[in-house]
C-alpha atoms as a PDB file:
ATOM      1  CA  UNK A   1      25.015  25.580 -37.247  1.00  0.00           C
ATOM      2  CA  UNK A   2      27.905  27.459 -35.893  1.00  0.00           C
ATOM      3  CA  UNK A   3      30.535  25.713 -34.016  1.00  0.00           C
ATOM      4  CA  UNK A   4      33.755  27.627 -34.718  1.00  0.00           C
ATOM      5  CA  UNK A   5      34.921  30.934 -36.007  1.00  0.00           C
ATOM      6  CA  UNK A   6      37.205  33.547 -35.270  1.00  0.00           C
ATOM      7  CA  UNK A   7      37.964  37.161 -33.825  1.00  0.00           C
ATOM      8  CA  UNK A   8      41.601  38.565 -34.404  1.00  0.00           C
ATOM      9  CA  UNK A   9      41.080  42.348 -34.562  1.00  0.00           C
ATOM     10  CA  UNK A  10      42.831  44.151 -32.055  1.00  0.00           C
ATOM     11  CA  UNK A  11      40.878  44.918 -29.099  1.00  0.00           C
ATOM     12  CA  UNK A  12      40.880  48.614 -29.693  1.00  0.00           C
ATOM     13  CA  UNK A  13      39.442  47.799 -33.256  1.00  0.00           C
ATOM     14  CA  UNK A  14      36.842  45.821 -31.718  1.00  0.00           C
ATOM     15  CA  UNK A  15      35.884  48.418 -29.014  1.00  0.00           C
ATOM     16  CA  UNK A  16      35.626  51.414 -31.635  1.00  0.00           C
ATOM     17  CA  UNK A  17      33.815  49.196 -34.161  1.00  0.00           C
ATOM     18  CA  UNK A  18      31.037  47.916 -31.275  1.00  0.00           C
ATOM     19  CA  UNK A  19      31.299  51.693 -29.720  1.00  0.00           C
ATOM     20  CA  UNK A  20      31.466  49.871 -26.453  1.00  0.00           C
ATOM     21  CA  UNK A  21      33.593  50.347 -23.260  1.00  0.00           C
ATOM     22  CA  UNK A  22      36.802  48.712 -22.756  1.00  0.00           C
ATOM     23  CA  UNK A  23      36.609  47.251 -19.072  1.00  0.00           C
ATOM     24  CA  UNK A  24      39.838  46.993 -17.234  1.00  0.00           C
ATOM     25  CA  UNK A  25      42.076  44.121 -17.199  1.00  0.00           C
ATOM     26  CA  UNK A  26      40.109  42.911 -20.195  1.00  0.00           C
ATOM     27  CA  UNK A  27      42.722  40.855 -22.424  1.00  0.00           C
ATOM     28  CA  UNK A  28      41.888  39.775 -25.886  1.00  0.00           C
ATOM     29  CA  UNK A  29      44.210  37.577 -28.043  1.00  0.00           C
ATOM     30  CA  UNK A  30      43.891  37.168 -31.741  1.00  0.00           C
ATOM     31  CA  UNK A  31      41.879  34.005 -31.930  1.00  0.00           C
ATOM     32  CA  UNK A  32      41.571  31.748 -35.384  1.00  0.00           C
ATOM     33  CA  UNK A  33      39.480  28.798 -33.922  1.00  0.00           C
ATOM     34  CA  UNK A  34      37.538  29.932 -31.141  1.00  0.00           C
ATOM     35  CA  UNK A  35      35.772  26.670 -29.963  1.00  0.00           C
ATOM     36  CA  UNK A  36      32.194  25.733 -27.869  1.00  0.00           C
ATOM     37  CA  UNK A  37      33.349  25.817 -24.176  1.00  0.00           C
ATOM     38  CA  UNK A  38      35.767  28.369 -24.314  1.00  0.00           C
ATOM     39  CA  UNK A  39      35.784  32.686 -23.321  1.00  0.00           C
ATOM     40  CA  UNK A  40      34.834  34.533 -26.094  1.00  0.00           C
ATOM     41  CA  UNK A  41      34.259  38.752 -26.424  1.00  0.00           C
ATOM     42  CA  UNK A  42      30.499  40.068 -26.650  1.00  0.00           C
ATOM     43  CA  UNK A  43      29.017  43.186 -26.726  1.00  0.00           C
ATOM     44  CA  UNK A  44      26.268  43.794 -23.856  1.00  0.00           C
ATOM     45  CA  UNK A  45      24.187  46.638 -22.707  1.00  0.00           C
ATOM     46  CA  UNK A  46      23.858  47.783 -19.153  1.00  0.00           C
ATOM     47  CA  UNK A  47      21.111  51.089 -18.900  1.00  0.00           C
ATOM     48  CA  UNK A  48      21.497  51.200 -22.643  1.00  0.00           C
ATOM     49  CA  UNK A  49      25.370  51.301 -22.143  1.00  0.00           C
ATOM     50  CA  UNK A  50      27.369  49.557 -24.367  1.00  0.00           C
ATOM     51  CA  UNK A  51      30.815  47.527 -22.368  1.00  0.00           C
ATOM     52  CA  UNK A  52      33.186  44.540 -23.472  1.00  0.00           C
ATOM     53  CA  UNK A  53      32.674  41.317 -21.717  1.00  0.00           C
ATOM     54  CA  UNK A  54      33.810  38.076 -21.538  1.00  0.00           C
ATOM     55  CA  UNK A  55      31.391  35.019 -21.483  1.00  0.00           C
ATOM     56  CA  UNK A  56      31.849  31.181 -21.863  1.00  0.00           C
ATOM     57  CA  UNK A  57      30.299  29.699 -25.107  1.00  0.00           C
ATOM     58  CA  UNK A  58      27.863  27.545 -24.102  1.00  0.00           C
ATOM     59  CA  UNK A  59      24.625  28.412 -22.682  1.00  0.00           C
ATOM     60  CA  UNK A  60      23.904  27.215 -19.213  1.00  0.00           C
ATOM     61  CA  UNK A  61      20.291  28.187 -18.355  1.00  0.00           C
ATOM     62  CA  UNK A  62      20.465  29.916 -14.656  1.00  0.00           C
ATOM     63  CA  UNK A  63      17.866  26.721 -13.702  1.00  0.00           C
ATOM     64  CA  UNK A  64      20.093  24.174 -14.889  1.00  0.00           C
ATOM     65  CA  UNK A  65      21.412  21.543 -12.392  1.00  0.00           C
ATOM     66  CA  UNK A  66      24.262  20.344 -14.464  1.00  0.00           C
ATOM     67  CA  UNK A  67      26.590  22.749 -15.904  1.00  0.00           C
ATOM     68  CA  UNK A  68      27.715  20.089 -18.900  1.00  0.00           C
ATOM     69  CA  UNK A  69      24.478  21.132 -20.644  1.00  0.00           C
ATOM     70  CA  UNK A  70      26.219  24.232 -22.008  1.00  0.00           C
ATOM     71  CA  UNK A  71      27.996  22.380 -24.104  1.00  0.00           C
ATOM     72  CA  UNK A  72      24.769  21.022 -26.003  1.00  0.00           C
ATOM     73  CA  UNK A  73      23.695  24.474 -26.170  1.00  0.00           C
ATOM     74  CA  UNK A  74      26.095  26.344 -28.318  1.00  0.00           C
ATOM     75  CA  UNK A  75      23.652  27.415 -30.884  1.00  0.00           C
ATOM     76  CA  UNK A  76      19.814  28.967 -30.458  1.00  0.00           C
ATOM     77  CA  UNK A  77      17.433  28.227 -33.649  1.00  0.00           C
ATOM     78  CA  UNK A  78      15.817  31.292 -34.611  1.00  0.00           C
ATOM     79  CA  UNK A  79      12.838  29.636 -35.805  1.00  0.00           C
ATOM     80  CA  UNK A  80      11.730  28.084 -32.253  1.00  0.00           C
ATOM     81  CA  UNK A  81      13.906  30.913 -29.904  1.00  0.00           C
ATOM     82  CA  UNK A  82      10.673  32.321 -28.464  1.00  0.00           C
ATOM     83  CA  UNK A  83       9.084  29.029 -27.571  1.00  0.00           C
ATOM     84  CA  UNK A  84      11.987  27.242 -26.023  1.00  0.00           C
ATOM     85  CA  UNK A  85      11.874  27.384 -22.429  1.00  0.00           C
ATOM     86  CA  UNK A  86      15.810  28.066 -21.996  1.00  0.00           C
ATOM     87  CA  UNK A  87      16.080  30.914 -24.344  1.00  0.00           C
ATOM     88  CA  UNK A  88      12.528  32.873 -24.768  1.00  0.00           C
ATOM     89  CA  UNK A  89      12.849  34.422 -21.498  1.00  0.00           C
ATOM     90  CA  UNK A  90      16.694  35.613 -22.352  1.00  0.00           C
ATOM     91  CA  UNK A  91      15.143  36.830 -25.587  1.00  0.00           C
ATOM     92  CA  UNK A  92      13.552  39.536 -23.703  1.00  0.00           C
ATOM     93  CA  UNK A  93      15.851  40.848 -21.410  1.00  0.00           C
ATOM     94  CA  UNK A  94      19.509  39.286 -21.879  1.00  0.00           C
ATOM     95  CA  UNK A  95      20.602  39.972 -25.885  1.00  0.00           C
ATOM     96  CA  UNK A  96      24.403  40.475 -26.480  1.00  0.00           C
ATOM     97  CA  UNK A  97      26.464  40.510 -29.871  1.00  0.00           C
ATOM     98  CA  UNK A  98      29.300  38.084 -30.444  1.00  0.00           C
ATOM     99  CA  UNK A  99      31.852  39.690 -32.213  1.00  0.00           C
ATOM    100  CA  UNK A 100      33.728  37.903 -34.881  1.00  0.00           C
ATOM    101  CA  UNK A 101      35.766  38.336 -38.187  1.00  0.00           C
ATOM    102  CA  UNK A 102      34.912  35.030 -39.782  1.00  0.00           C
ATOM    103  CA  UNK A 103      33.259  31.834 -39.309  1.00  0.00           C
ATOM    104  CA  UNK A 104      33.952  28.155 -40.538  1.00  0.00           C
ATOM    105  CA  UNK A 105      31.098  25.768 -41.825  1.00  0.00           C
ATOM    106  CA  UNK A 106      32.056  22.293 -43.584  1.00  0.00           C
ATOM    107  CA  UNK A 107      30.614  21.300 -46.717  1.00  0.00           C
ATOM    108  CA  UNK A 108      29.581  17.398 -47.394  1.00  0.00           C
ATOM    109  CA  UNK A 109      31.814  16.400 -50.213  1.00  0.00           C
ATOM    110  CA  UNK A 110      30.921  12.622 -50.541  1.00  0.00           C
ATOM    111  CA  UNK A 111      32.659  10.807 -47.513  1.00  0.00           C
ATOM    112  CA  UNK A 112      34.615  13.709 -46.893  1.00  0.00           C
ATOM    113  CA  UNK A 113      33.756  17.236 -45.193  1.00  0.00           C
ATOM    114  CA  UNK A 114      35.781  20.338 -46.682  1.00  0.00           C
ATOM    115  CA  UNK A 115      36.014  23.478 -44.210  1.00  0.00           C
ATOM    116  CA  UNK A 116      35.373  27.005 -45.735  1.00  0.00           C
ATOM    117  CA  UNK A 117      36.228  30.106 -44.215  1.00  0.00           C
ATOM    118  CA  UNK A 118      33.363  32.623 -44.465  1.00  0.00           C
ATOM    119  CA  UNK A 119      33.478  36.351 -43.546  1.00  0.00           C
ATOM    120  CA  UNK A 120      32.286  39.794 -44.923  1.00  0.00           C
ATOM    121  CA  UNK A 121      33.554  41.173 -48.098  1.00  0.00           C
ATOM    122  CA  UNK A 122      34.813  44.222 -46.628  1.00  0.00           C
ATOM    123  CA  UNK A 123      36.539  42.011 -44.250  1.00  0.00           C
ATOM    124  CA  UNK A 124      35.535  44.098 -40.924  1.00  0.00           C
ATOM    125  CA  UNK A 125      34.445  42.773 -38.043  1.00  0.00           C
ATOM    126  CA  UNK A 126      30.715  41.918 -37.250  1.00  0.00           C
ATOM    127  CA  UNK A 127      28.420  40.681 -34.730  1.00  0.00           C
ATOM    128  CA  UNK A 128      26.302  37.381 -34.644  1.00  0.00           C
ATOM    129  CA  UNK A 129      23.336  37.979 -32.548  1.00  0.00           C
ATOM    130  CA  UNK A 130      23.722  35.967 -29.036  1.00  0.00           C
ATOM    131  CA  UNK A 131      22.088  35.373 -25.877  1.00  0.00           C
ATOM    132  CA  UNK A 132      23.472  35.194 -22.513  1.00  0.00           C
ATOM    133  CA  UNK A 133      22.680  34.045 -18.934  1.00  0.00           C
ATOM    134  CA  UNK A 134      24.370  33.572 -15.233  1.00  0.00           C
ATOM    135  CA  UNK A 135      24.490  30.470 -13.865  1.00  0.00           C
ATOM    136  CA  UNK A 136      25.643  29.378  -9.932  1.00  0.00           C
ATOM    137  CA  UNK A 137      25.782  26.771  -7.679  1.00  0.00           C
ATOM    138  CA  UNK A 138      26.564  28.580  -4.559  1.00  0.00           C
ATOM    139  CA  UNK A 139      30.236  28.475  -5.079  1.00  0.00           C
ATOM    140  CA  UNK A 140      30.796  29.824  -8.512  1.00  0.00           C
ATOM    141  CA  UNK A 141      29.031  31.885 -10.610  1.00  0.00           C
ATOM    142  CA  UNK A 142      29.307  31.419 -14.623  1.00  0.00           C
ATOM    143  CA  UNK A 143      28.554  33.749 -17.354  1.00  0.00           C
ATOM    144  CA  UNK A 144      27.883  32.096 -20.856  1.00  0.00           C
ATOM    145  CA  UNK A 145      25.989  32.410 -24.138  1.00  0.00           C
ATOM    146  CA  UNK A 146      24.888  30.860 -27.143  1.00  0.00           C
ATOM    147  CA  UNK A 147      24.920  32.116 -30.956  1.00  0.00           C
ATOM    148  CA  UNK A 148      21.611  32.073 -32.812  1.00  0.00           C
ATOM    149  CA  UNK A 149      21.448  30.728 -36.283  1.00  0.00           C
ATOM    150  CA  UNK A 150      18.911  30.867 -39.158  1.00  0.00           C
ATOM    151  CA  UNK A 151      18.451  29.205 -42.753  1.00  0.00           C
ATOM    152  CA  UNK A 152      21.170  29.877 -45.350  1.00  0.00           C
ATOM    153  CA  UNK A 153      21.432  32.572 -47.736  1.00  0.00           C
ATOM    154  CA  UNK A 154      22.509  31.912 -51.254  1.00  0.00           C
ATOM    155  CA  UNK A 155      25.968  31.696 -50.394  1.00  0.00           C
ATOM    156  CA  UNK A 156      25.747  29.450 -47.458  1.00  0.00           C
ATOM    157  CA  UNK A 157      23.341  27.242 -49.092  1.00  0.00           C
ATOM    158  CA  UNK A 158      26.018  25.302 -51.052  1.00  0.00           C
ATOM    159  CA  UNK A 159      28.160  24.387 -48.054  1.00  0.00           C
ATOM    160  CA  UNK A 160      25.238  23.849 -45.056  1.00  0.00           C
ATOM    161  CA  UNK A 161      22.039  24.229 -44.678  1.00  0.00           C
ATOM    162  CA  UNK A 162      22.111  26.510 -41.286  1.00  0.00           C
ATOM    163  CA  UNK A 163      24.044  29.859 -40.621  1.00  0.00           C
ATOM    164  CA  UNK A 164      24.565  32.124 -37.669  1.00  0.00           C
ATOM    165  CA  UNK A 165      22.363  35.108 -37.533  1.00  0.00           C
ATOM    166  CA  UNK A 166      24.494  38.201 -38.605  1.00  0.00           C
ATOM    167  CA  UNK A 167      23.567  41.419 -37.761  1.00  0.00           C
ATOM    168  CA  UNK A 168      23.584  44.845 -39.950  1.00  0.00           C
ATOM    169  CA  UNK A 169      24.865  47.816 -37.905  1.00  0.00           C
ATOM    170  CA  UNK A 170      21.587  49.303 -37.323  1.00  0.00           C
ATOM    171  CA  UNK A 171      20.126  45.602 -36.557  1.00  0.00           C
ATOM    172  CA  UNK A 172      22.540  45.877 -33.811  1.00  0.00           C
ATOM    173  CA  UNK A 173      21.213  48.673 -32.278  1.00  0.00           C
ATOM    174  CA  UNK A 174      17.913  47.167 -31.927  1.00  0.00           C
ATOM    175  CA  UNK A 175      19.488  44.283 -30.516  1.00  0.00           C
ATOM    176  CA  UNK A 176      20.785  46.044 -27.617  1.00  0.00           C
ATOM    177  CA  UNK A 177      18.224  48.176 -27.231  1.00  0.00           C
ATOM    178  CA  UNK A 178      16.833  47.102 -23.665  1.00  0.00           C
ATOM    179  CA  UNK A 179      13.432  48.951 -24.337  1.00  0.00           C
ATOM    180  CA  UNK A 180      12.880  46.492 -27.087  1.00  0.00           C
ATOM    181  CA  UNK A 181      10.958  43.368 -25.608  1.00  0.00           C
ATOM    182  CA  UNK A 182       8.558  42.694 -28.542  1.00  0.00           C
ATOM    183  CA  UNK A 183       9.363  39.268 -29.820  1.00  0.00           C
ATOM    184  CA  UNK A 184       7.886  39.909 -33.285  1.00  0.00           C
ATOM    185  CA  UNK A 185       9.972  42.660 -33.723  1.00  0.00           C
ATOM    186  CA  UNK A 186      13.476  41.091 -32.584  1.00  0.00           C
ATOM    187  CA  UNK A 187      12.460  37.878 -35.027  1.00  0.00           C
ATOM    188  CA  UNK A 188      11.995  40.377 -37.766  1.00  0.00           C
ATOM    189  CA  UNK A 189      15.836  40.952 -37.703  1.00  0.00           C
ATOM    190  CA  UNK A 190      16.978  37.086 -36.741  1.00  0.00           C
ATOM    191  CA  UNK A 191      17.675  36.785 -40.786  1.00  0.00           C
ATOM    192  CA  UNK A 192      20.012  35.320 -42.817  1.00  0.00           C
ATOM    193  CA  UNK A 193      22.259  37.910 -43.739  1.00  0.00           C
ATOM    194  CA  UNK A 194      23.021  39.880 -47.472  1.00  0.00           C
ATOM    195  CA  UNK A 195      25.266  36.917 -49.636  1.00  0.00           C
ATOM    196  CA  UNK A 196      25.899  39.853 -51.691  1.00  0.00           C
ATOM    197  CA  UNK A 197      28.214  41.044 -48.576  1.00  0.00           C
ATOM    198  CA  UNK A 198      30.115  38.307 -47.953  1.00  0.00           C
ATOM    199  CA  UNK A 199      33.009  35.964 -49.104  1.00  0.00           C
ATOM    200  CA  UNK A 200      33.227  32.115 -48.568  1.00  0.00           C
ATOM    201  CA  UNK A 201      36.560  30.136 -49.784  1.00  0.00           C
ATOM    202  CA  UNK A 202      37.901  26.419 -49.050  1.00  0.00           C
ATOM    203  CA  UNK A 203      40.652  26.069 -46.472  1.00  0.00           C
ATOM    204  CA  UNK A 204      43.038  23.215 -44.937  1.00  0.00           C
ATOM    205  CA  UNK A 205      41.743  20.561 -42.854  1.00  0.00           C
ATOM    206  CA  UNK A 206      44.084  22.165 -40.130  1.00  0.00           C
ATOM    207  CA  UNK A 207      41.156  23.860 -38.713  1.00  0.00           C
ATOM    208  CA  UNK A 208      39.136  20.685 -37.765  1.00  0.00           C
ATOM    209  CA  UNK A 209      41.445  20.326 -34.721  1.00  0.00           C
ATOM    210  CA  UNK A 210      40.382  22.781 -32.096  1.00  0.00           C
ATOM    211  CA  UNK A 211      43.704  23.102 -30.766  1.00  0.00           C
ATOM    212  CA  UNK A 212      45.634  24.350 -33.975  1.00  0.00           C
ATOM    213  CA  UNK A 213      45.457  27.993 -33.668  1.00  0.00           C
ATOM    214  CA  UNK A 214      47.250  30.450 -36.052  1.00  0.00           C
ATOM    215  CA  UNK A 215      46.904  32.780 -38.887  1.00  0.00           C
ATOM    216  CA  UNK A 216      47.635  30.016 -41.500  1.00  0.00           C
ATOM    217  CA  UNK A 217      44.451  28.265 -40.636  1.00  0.00           C
ATOM    218  CA  UNK A 218      42.840  31.436 -42.993  1.00  0.00           C
ATOM    219  CA  UNK A 219      44.996  30.426 -46.065  1.00  0.00           C
ATOM    220  CA  UNK A 220      42.795  29.487 -49.009  1.00  0.00           C
ATOM    221  CA  UNK A 221      43.739  26.345 -50.834  1.00  0.00           C
END
């Protein structure tokens, strides 16, 4: 799964990396411990024009009666995404890129869990494959999203059996292309990222508490 990550690159860097338009008034502060239920920075495409947006992490399907369901839908499994009622429609028409600089996963070591920070070897921002939706009850409208996960690659399998779908820049184009609606084509790119271009190292348990923030979270043991 993917239950915690970070994004600390400056807004201009994010906009340039994803060739996205900055929305007026959009503020993005460096975040080192992003958790479910919080607002996050994503890239969506409208009429094939990319723009940055802020969505809540934890998908609330538009048909849901209780918005608390979002806390149970922070991830969507790539293997079943095309058959689950909450996701299959969104896969065709509401895909997004979730910007990140790195993410965290916990390796079970006896009775303890050791947190790791995982990032690209070049230390540049990247994108998780995501889906989004809009939910409303008449008085409020909430836009939410979920991160798609897949099986672990060679780097991650020693830490956890799942990992988020990280898209190559070429696959980002496919993912945001509104003319691409074939499930088979989309599932081809929901695969483990090449481990040769990733790095992972153990960090302090300081990250375990979602209220803890700050660059010191990234310090290696």
